[in-house]
PDB file of all heavy atoms in Angstrom:
ATOM      1  N   GLU A   1     130.121 -37.211  57.171  1.00  0.00           N
ATOM      2  CA  GLU A   1     130.216 -38.499  56.470  1.00  0.00           C
ATOM      3  C   GLU A   1     130.190 -38.328  55.019  1.00  0.00           C
ATOM      4  O   GLU A   1     129.747 -37.310  54.474  1.00  0.00           O
ATOM      5  CB  GLU A   1     129.033 -39.404  56.921  1.00  0.00           C
ATOM      6  CG  GLU A   1     129.056 -39.798  58.389  1.00  0.00           C
ATOM      7  CD  GLU A   1     127.967 -40.842  58.736  1.00  0.00           C
ATOM      8  OE1 GLU A   1     127.177 -41.134  57.850  1.00  0.00           O
ATOM      9  OE2 GLU A   1     127.968 -41.319  59.863  1.00  0.00           O
ATOM     10  N   ARG A   2     130.672 -39.356  54.344  1.00  0.00           N
ATOM     11  CA  ARG A   2     130.703 -39.343  52.888  1.00  0.00           C
ATOM     12  C   ARG A   2     129.256 -39.375  52.372  1.00  0.00           C
ATOM     13  O   ARG A   2     128.410 -40.143  52.816  1.00  0.00           O
ATOM     14  CB  ARG A   2     131.454 -40.555  52.381  1.00  0.00           C
ATOM     15  CG  ARG A   2     131.775 -40.545  50.924  1.00  0.00           C
ATOM     16  CD  ARG A   2     132.788 -41.652  50.564  1.00  0.00           C
ATOM     17  NE  ARG A   2     134.035 -41.512  51.260  1.00  0.00           N
ATOM     18  CZ  ARG A   2     135.131 -42.244  51.001  1.00  0.00           C
ATOM     19  NH1 ARG A   2     135.091 -43.179  50.076  1.00  0.00           N
ATOM     20  NH2 ARG A   2     136.239 -42.032  51.706  1.00  0.00           N
ATOM     21  N   GLU A   3     128.968 -38.523  51.424  1.00  0.00           N
ATOM     22  CA  GLU A   3     127.584 -38.455  50.876  1.00  0.00           C
ATOM     23  C   GLU A   3     127.593 -38.596  49.367  1.00  0.00           C
ATOM     24  O   GLU A   3     128.519 -38.167  48.664  1.00  0.00           O
ATOM     25  CB  GLU A   3     126.947 -37.077  51.250  1.00  0.00           C
ATOM     26  CG  GLU A   3     127.647 -35.862  50.647  1.00  0.00           C
ATOM     27  CD  GLU A   3     126.846 -34.564  50.882  1.00  0.00           C
ATOM     28  OE1 GLU A   3     125.629 -34.657  51.092  1.00  0.00           O
ATOM     29  OE2 GLU A   3     127.465 -33.502  50.834  1.00  0.00           O
ATOM     30  N   LEU A   4     126.527 -39.191  48.885  1.00  0.00           N
ATOM     31  CA  LEU A   4     126.351 -39.389  47.464  1.00  0.00           C
ATOM     32  C   LEU A   4     126.003 -38.054  46.789  1.00  0.00           C
ATOM     33  O   LEU A   4     125.116 -37.347  47.212  1.00  0.00           O
ATOM     34  CB  LEU A   4     125.231 -40.394  47.193  1.00  0.00           C
ATOM     35  CG  LEU A   4     124.891 -40.640  45.733  1.00  0.00           C
ATOM     36  CD1 LEU A   4     126.025 -41.232  44.935  1.00  0.00           C
ATOM     37  CD2 LEU A   4     123.648 -41.546  45.686  1.00  0.00           C
ATOM     38  N   VAL A   5     126.715 -37.732  45.715  1.00  0.00           N
ATOM     39  CA  VAL A   5     126.460 -36.555  44.934  1.00  0.00           C
ATOM     40  C   VAL A   5     125.690 -36.819  43.660  1.00  0.00           C
ATOM     41  O   VAL A   5     124.701 -36.156  43.343  1.00  0.00           O
ATOM     42  CB  VAL A   5     127.816 -35.799  44.607  1.00  0.00           C
ATOM     43  CG1 VAL A   5     127.524 -34.574  43.758  1.00  0.00           C
ATOM     44  CG2 VAL A   5     128.534 -35.452  45.896  1.00  0.00           C
ATOM     45  N   ALA A   6     126.129 -37.800  42.898  1.00  0.00           N
ATOM     46  CA  ALA A   6     125.538 -38.114  41.630  1.00  0.00           C
ATOM     47  C   ALA A   6     126.019 -39.430  41.098  1.00  0.00           C
ATOM     48  O   ALA A   6     127.087 -39.918  41.504  1.00  0.00           O
ATOM     49  CB  ALA A   6     125.810 -37.005  40.601  1.00  0.00           C
ATOM     50  N   TRP A   7     125.247 -40.040  40.225  1.00  0.00           N
ATOM     51  CA  TRP A   7     125.704 -41.217  39.501  1.00  0.00           C
ATOM     52  C   TRP A   7     125.062 -41.294  38.121  1.00  0.00           C
ATOM     53  O   TRP A   7     124.044 -40.652  37.859  1.00  0.00           O
ATOM     54  CB  TRP A   7     125.415 -42.517  40.299  1.00  0.00           C
ATOM     55  CG  TRP A   7     123.958 -42.807  40.645  1.00  0.00           C
ATOM     56  CD1 TRP A   7     123.430 -42.607  41.897  1.00  0.00           C
ATOM     57  CD2 TRP A   7     122.924 -43.291  39.826  1.00  0.00           C
ATOM     58  NE1 TRP A   7     122.108 -42.974  41.901  1.00  0.00           N
ATOM     59  CE2 TRP A   7     121.784 -43.397  40.657  1.00  0.00           C
ATOM     60  CE3 TRP A   7     122.839 -43.650  38.491  1.00  0.00           C
ATOM     61  CZ2 TRP A   7     120.544 -43.859  40.161  1.00  0.00           C
ATOM     62  CZ3 TRP A   7     121.626 -44.157  37.999  1.00  0.00           C
ATOM     63  CH2 TRP A   7     120.484 -44.218  38.821  1.00  0.00           C
ATOM     64  N   ALA A   8     125.697 -42.057  37.242  1.00  0.00           N
ATOM     65  CA  ALA A   8     125.175 -42.273  35.905  1.00  0.00           C
ATOM     66  C   ALA A   8     125.309 -43.744  35.551  1.00  0.00           C
ATOM     67  O   ALA A   8     126.313 -44.384  35.946  1.00  0.00           O
ATOM     68  CB  ALA A   8     125.896 -41.426  34.900  1.00  0.00           C
ATOM     69  N   SER A   9     124.334 -44.267  34.841  1.00  0.00           N
ATOM     70  CA  SER A   9     124.319 -45.666  34.519  1.00  0.00           C
ATOM     71  C   SER A   9     124.407 -45.855  33.008  1.00  0.00           C
ATOM     72  O   SER A   9     123.793 -45.131  32.219  1.00  0.00           O
ATOM     73  CB  SER A   9     123.062 -46.361  35.019  1.00  0.00           C
ATOM     74  OG  SER A   9     122.973 -47.697  34.582  1.00  0.00           O
ATOM     75  N   TRP A  10     125.154 -46.905  32.592  1.00  0.00           N
ATOM     76  CA  TRP A  10     125.199 -47.278  31.186  1.00  0.00           C
ATOM     77  C   TRP A  10     124.050 -48.183  30.764  1.00  0.00           C
ATOM     78  O   TRP A  10     123.958 -48.527  29.624  1.00  0.00           O
ATOM     79  CB  TRP A  10     126.533 -47.889  30.874  1.00  0.00           C
ATOM     80  CG  TRP A  10     127.657 -46.942  30.623  1.00  0.00           C
ATOM     81  CD1 TRP A  10     128.096 -46.490  29.417  1.00  0.00           C
ATOM     82  CD2 TRP A  10     128.458 -46.273  31.617  1.00  0.00           C
ATOM     83  NE1 TRP A  10     129.140 -45.598  29.579  1.00  0.00           N
ATOM     84  CE2 TRP A  10     129.373 -45.428  30.927  1.00  0.00           C
ATOM     85  CE3 TRP A  10     128.450 -46.302  33.016  1.00  0.00           C
ATOM     86  CZ2 TRP A  10     130.259 -44.633  31.621  1.00  0.00           C
ATOM     87  CZ3 TRP A  10     129.378 -45.480  33.659  1.00  0.00           C
ATOM     88  CH2 TRP A  10     130.281 -44.662  33.004  1.00  0.00           C
ATOM     89  N   ILE A  11     123.225 -48.543  31.702  1.00  0.00           N
ATOM     90  CA  ILE A  11     122.019 -49.313  31.420  1.00  0.00           C
ATOM     91  C   ILE A  11     120.812 -48.425  31.507  1.00  0.00           C
ATOM     92  O   ILE A  11     120.446 -47.971  32.588  1.00  0.00           O
ATOM     93  CB  ILE A  11     121.873 -50.488  32.410  1.00  0.00           C
ATOM     94  CG1 ILE A  11     123.097 -51.378  32.318  1.00  0.00           C
ATOM     95  CG2 ILE A  11     120.600 -51.240  32.105  1.00  0.00           C
ATOM     96  CD1 ILE A  11     123.054 -52.555  33.279  1.00  0.00           C
ATOM     97  N   GLY A  12     120.248 -48.137  30.362  1.00  0.00           N
ATOM     98  CA  GLY A  12     119.072 -47.240  30.322  1.00  0.00           C
ATOM     99  C   GLY A  12     119.384 -45.803  30.335  1.00  0.00           C
ATOM    100  O   GLY A  12     118.429 -44.972  30.206  1.00  0.00           O
ATOM    101  N   GLY A  13     120.651 -45.422  30.569  1.00  0.00           N
ATOM    102  CA  GLY A  13     121.010 -44.027  30.588  1.00  0.00           C
ATOM    103  C   GLY A  13     120.473 -43.214  31.761  1.00  0.00           C
ATOM    104  O   GLY A  13     120.384 -42.019  31.690  1.00  0.00           O
ATOM    105  N   SER A  14     120.103 -43.932  32.826  1.00  0.00           N
ATOM    106  CA  SER A  14     119.529 -43.235  33.985  1.00  0.00           C
ATOM    107  C   SER A  14     120.639 -42.500  34.735  1.00  0.00           C
ATOM    108  O   SER A  14     121.826 -42.869  34.689  1.00  0.00           O
ATOM    109  CB  SER A  14     118.819 -44.215  34.916  1.00  0.00           C
ATOM    110  OG  SER A  14     119.708 -45.268  35.313  1.00  0.00           O
ATOM    111  N   GLU A  15     120.203 -41.418  35.355  1.00  0.00           N
ATOM    112  CA  GLU A  15     121.107 -40.549  36.142  1.00  0.00           C
ATOM    113  C   GLU A  15     120.474 -40.101  37.419  1.00  0.00           C
ATOM    114  O   GLU A  15     119.272 -40.165  37.560  1.00  0.00           O
ATOM    115  CB  GLU A  15     121.526 -39.322  35.277  1.00  0.00           C
ATOM    116  CG  GLU A  15     122.231 -39.635  33.993  1.00  0.00           C
ATOM    117  CD  GLU A  15     122.511 -38.391  33.193  1.00  0.00           C
ATOM    118  OE1 GLU A  15     122.036 -37.301  33.612  1.00  0.00           O
ATOM    119  OE2 GLU A  15     123.226 -38.460  32.190  1.00  0.00           O
ATOM    120  N   TYR A  16     121.301 -39.686  38.298  1.00  0.00           N
ATOM    121  CA  TYR A  16     120.855 -39.188  39.582  1.00  0.00           C
ATOM    122  C   TYR A  16     121.780 -38.043  40.048  1.00  0.00           C
ATOM    123  O   TYR A  16     122.998 -38.168  39.943  1.00  0.00           O
ATOM    124  CB  TYR A  16     120.810 -40.247  40.667  1.00  0.00           C
ATOM    125  CG  TYR A  16     120.624 -39.763  42.079  1.00  0.00           C
ATOM    126  CD1 TYR A  16     119.367 -39.456  42.578  1.00  0.00           C
ATOM    127  CD2 TYR A  16     121.710 -39.537  42.911  1.00  0.00           C
ATOM    128  CE1 TYR A  16     119.194 -39.002  43.846  1.00  0.00           C
ATOM    129  CE2 TYR A  16     121.567 -39.043  44.182  1.00  0.00           C
ATOM    130  CZ  TYR A  16     120.293 -38.765  44.671  1.00  0.00           C
ATOM    131  OH  TYR A  16     120.134 -38.261  45.917  1.00  0.00           O
ATOM    132  N   VAL A  17     121.182 -37.019  40.543  1.00  0.00           N
ATOM    133  CA  VAL A  17     121.920 -35.930  41.175  1.00  0.00           C
ATOM    134  C   VAL A  17     121.211 -35.595  42.497  1.00  0.00           C
ATOM    135  O   VAL A  17     119.991 -35.413  42.473  1.00  0.00           O
ATOM    136  CB  VAL A  17     121.986 -34.677  40.287  1.00  0.00           C
ATOM    137  CG1 VAL A  17     122.827 -33.584  40.954  1.00  0.00           C
ATOM    138  CG2 VAL A  17     122.632 -35.034  38.931  1.00  0.00           C
ATOM    139  N   ALA A  18     121.946 -35.491  43.542  1.00  0.00           N
ATOM    140  CA  ALA A  18     121.392 -35.219  44.858  1.00  0.00           C
ATOM    141  C   ALA A  18     120.633 -33.918  44.875  1.00  0.00           C
ATOM    142  O   ALA A  18     121.074 -32.933  44.211  1.00  0.00           O
ATOM    143  CB  ALA A  18     122.475 -35.209  45.916  1.00  0.00           C
ATOM    144  N   ASN A  19     119.528 -33.871  45.602  1.00  0.00           N
ATOM    145  CA  ASN A  19     118.726 -32.663  45.651  1.00  0.00           C
ATOM    146  C   ASN A  19     119.492 -31.427  46.092  1.00  0.00           C
ATOM    147  O   ASN A  19     119.210 -30.306  45.653  1.00  0.00           O
ATOM    148  CB  ASN A  19     117.535 -32.901  46.567  1.00  0.00           C
ATOM    149  CG  ASN A  19     116.470 -33.813  45.990  1.00  0.00           C
ATOM    150  OD1 ASN A  19     116.395 -33.988  44.801  1.00  0.00           O
ATOM    151  ND2 ASN A  19     115.710 -34.429  46.858  1.00  0.00           N
ATOM    152  N   SER A  20     120.443 -31.693  46.946  1.00  0.00           N
ATOM    153  CA  SER A  20     121.208 -30.562  47.519  1.00  0.00           C
ATOM    154  C   SER A  20     122.021 -29.803  46.515  1.00  0.00           C
ATOM    155  O   SER A  20     122.397 -28.649  46.727  1.00  0.00           O
ATOM    156  CB  SER A  20     122.099 -31.050  48.682  1.00  0.00           C
ATOM    157  OG  SER A  20     123.005 -32.013  48.187  1.00  0.00           O
ATOM    158  N   VAL A  21     122.320 -30.475  45.368  1.00  0.00           N
ATOM    159  CA  VAL A  21     123.191 -29.833  44.370  1.00  0.00           C
ATOM    160  C   VAL A  21     122.659 -29.903  42.935  1.00  0.00           C
ATOM    161  O   VAL A  21     123.290 -29.408  42.053  1.00  0.00           O
ATOM    162  CB  VAL A  21     124.593 -30.481  44.384  1.00  0.00           C
ATOM    163  CG1 VAL A  21     125.273 -30.258  45.725  1.00  0.00           C
ATOM    164  CG2 VAL A  21     124.534 -31.965  44.046  1.00  0.00           C
ATOM    165  N   LYS A  22     121.483 -30.509  42.783  1.00  0.00           N
ATOM    166  CA  LYS A  22     120.961 -30.748  41.413  1.00  0.00           C
ATOM    167  C   LYS A  22     120.711 -29.509  40.616  1.00  0.00           C
ATOM    168  O   LYS A  22     120.615 -29.555  39.404  1.00  0.00           O
ATOM    169  CB  LYS A  22     119.752 -31.648  41.444  1.00  0.00           C
ATOM    170  CG  LYS A  22     118.493 -31.048  42.058  1.00  0.00           C
ATOM    171  CD  LYS A  22     117.356 -32.047  42.010  1.00  0.00           C
ATOM    172  CE  LYS A  22     116.101 -31.477  42.639  1.00  0.00           C
ATOM    173  NZ  LYS A  22     114.981 -32.490  42.610  1.00  0.00           N
ATOM    174  N   ASP A  23     120.561 -28.389  41.271  1.00  0.00           N
ATOM    175  CA  ASP A  23     120.347 -27.104  40.582  1.00  0.00           C
ATOM    176  C   ASP A  23     121.647 -26.532  40.043  1.00  0.00           C
ATOM    177  O   ASP A  23     121.618 -25.589  39.263  1.00  0.00           O
ATOM    178  CB  ASP A  23     119.641 -26.092  41.538  1.00  0.00           C
ATOM    179  CG  ASP A  23     120.423 -25.857  42.799  1.00  0.00           C
ATOM    180  OD1 ASP A  23     121.074 -26.780  43.267  1.00  0.00           O
ATOM    181  OD2 ASP A  23     120.317 -24.727  43.316  1.00  0.00           O
ATOM    182  N   ARG A  24     122.763 -27.113  40.500  1.00  0.00           N
ATOM    183  CA  ARG A  24     124.050 -26.559  40.110  1.00  0.00           C
ATOM    184  C   ARG A  24     124.983 -27.575  39.459  1.00  0.00           C
ATOM    185  O   ARG A  24     125.896 -27.176  38.740  1.00  0.00           O
ATOM    186  CB  ARG A  24     124.741 -25.935  41.346  1.00  0.00           C
ATOM    187  CG  ARG A  24     123.969 -24.769  41.959  1.00  0.00           C
ATOM    188  CD  ARG A  24     124.719 -24.211  43.167  1.00  0.00           C
ATOM    189  NE  ARG A  24     124.776 -25.141  44.266  1.00  0.00           N
ATOM    190  CZ  ARG A  24     125.873 -25.701  44.738  1.00  0.00           C
ATOM    191  NH1 ARG A  24     127.091 -25.375  44.191  1.00  0.00           N
ATOM    192  NH2 ARG A  24     125.879 -26.551  45.748  1.00  0.00           N
ATOM    193  N   PHE A  25     124.808 -28.854  39.816  1.00  0.00           N
ATOM    194  CA  PHE A  25     125.712 -29.852  39.321  1.00  0.00           C
ATOM    195  C   PHE A  25     125.057 -30.734  38.265  1.00  0.00           C
ATOM    196  O   PHE A  25     123.833 -30.893  38.260  1.00  0.00           O
ATOM    197  CB  PHE A  25     126.173 -30.795  40.459  1.00  0.00           C
ATOM    198  CG  PHE A  25     127.055 -30.147  41.505  1.00  0.00           C
ATOM    199  CD1 PHE A  25     127.378 -28.807  41.435  1.00  0.00           C
ATOM    200  CD2 PHE A  25     127.554 -30.868  42.547  1.00  0.00           C
ATOM    201  CE1 PHE A  25     128.176 -28.210  42.411  1.00  0.00           C
ATOM    202  CE2 PHE A  25     128.379 -30.315  43.494  1.00  0.00           C
ATOM    203  CZ  PHE A  25     128.655 -28.971  43.450  1.00  0.00           C
ATOM    204  N   ALA A  26     125.818 -31.306  37.390  1.00  0.00           N
ATOM    205  CA  ALA A  26     125.326 -32.266  36.426  1.00  0.00           C
ATOM    206  C   ALA A  26     126.371 -33.342  36.232  1.00  0.00           C
ATOM    207  O   ALA A  26     127.557 -33.137  36.307  1.00  0.00           O
ATOM    208  CB  ALA A  26     125.064 -31.560  35.095  1.00  0.00           C
ATOM    209  N   ILE A  27     125.869 -34.561  35.940  1.00  0.00           N
ATOM    210  CA  ILE A  27     126.774 -35.684  35.650  1.00  0.00           C
ATOM    211  C   ILE A  27     126.622 -36.081  34.210  1.00  0.00           C
ATOM    212  O   ILE A  27     125.554 -35.958  33.629  1.00  0.00           O
ATOM    213  CB  ILE A  27     126.444 -36.872  36.576  1.00  0.00           C
ATOM    214  CG1 ILE A  27     127.576 -37.927  36.502  1.00  0.00           C
ATOM    215  CG2 ILE A  27     125.092 -37.491  36.292  1.00  0.00           C
ATOM    216  CD1 ILE A  27     127.530 -38.942  37.642  1.00  0.00           C
TER     217      ILE A  27
END
């Protein structure tokens, strides 16, 4: 299934990277 990898918000500058890839990926 489609899975969330990461997102970034223009409100507050919050970001998210999935635990499965956060050690290697950045948004």
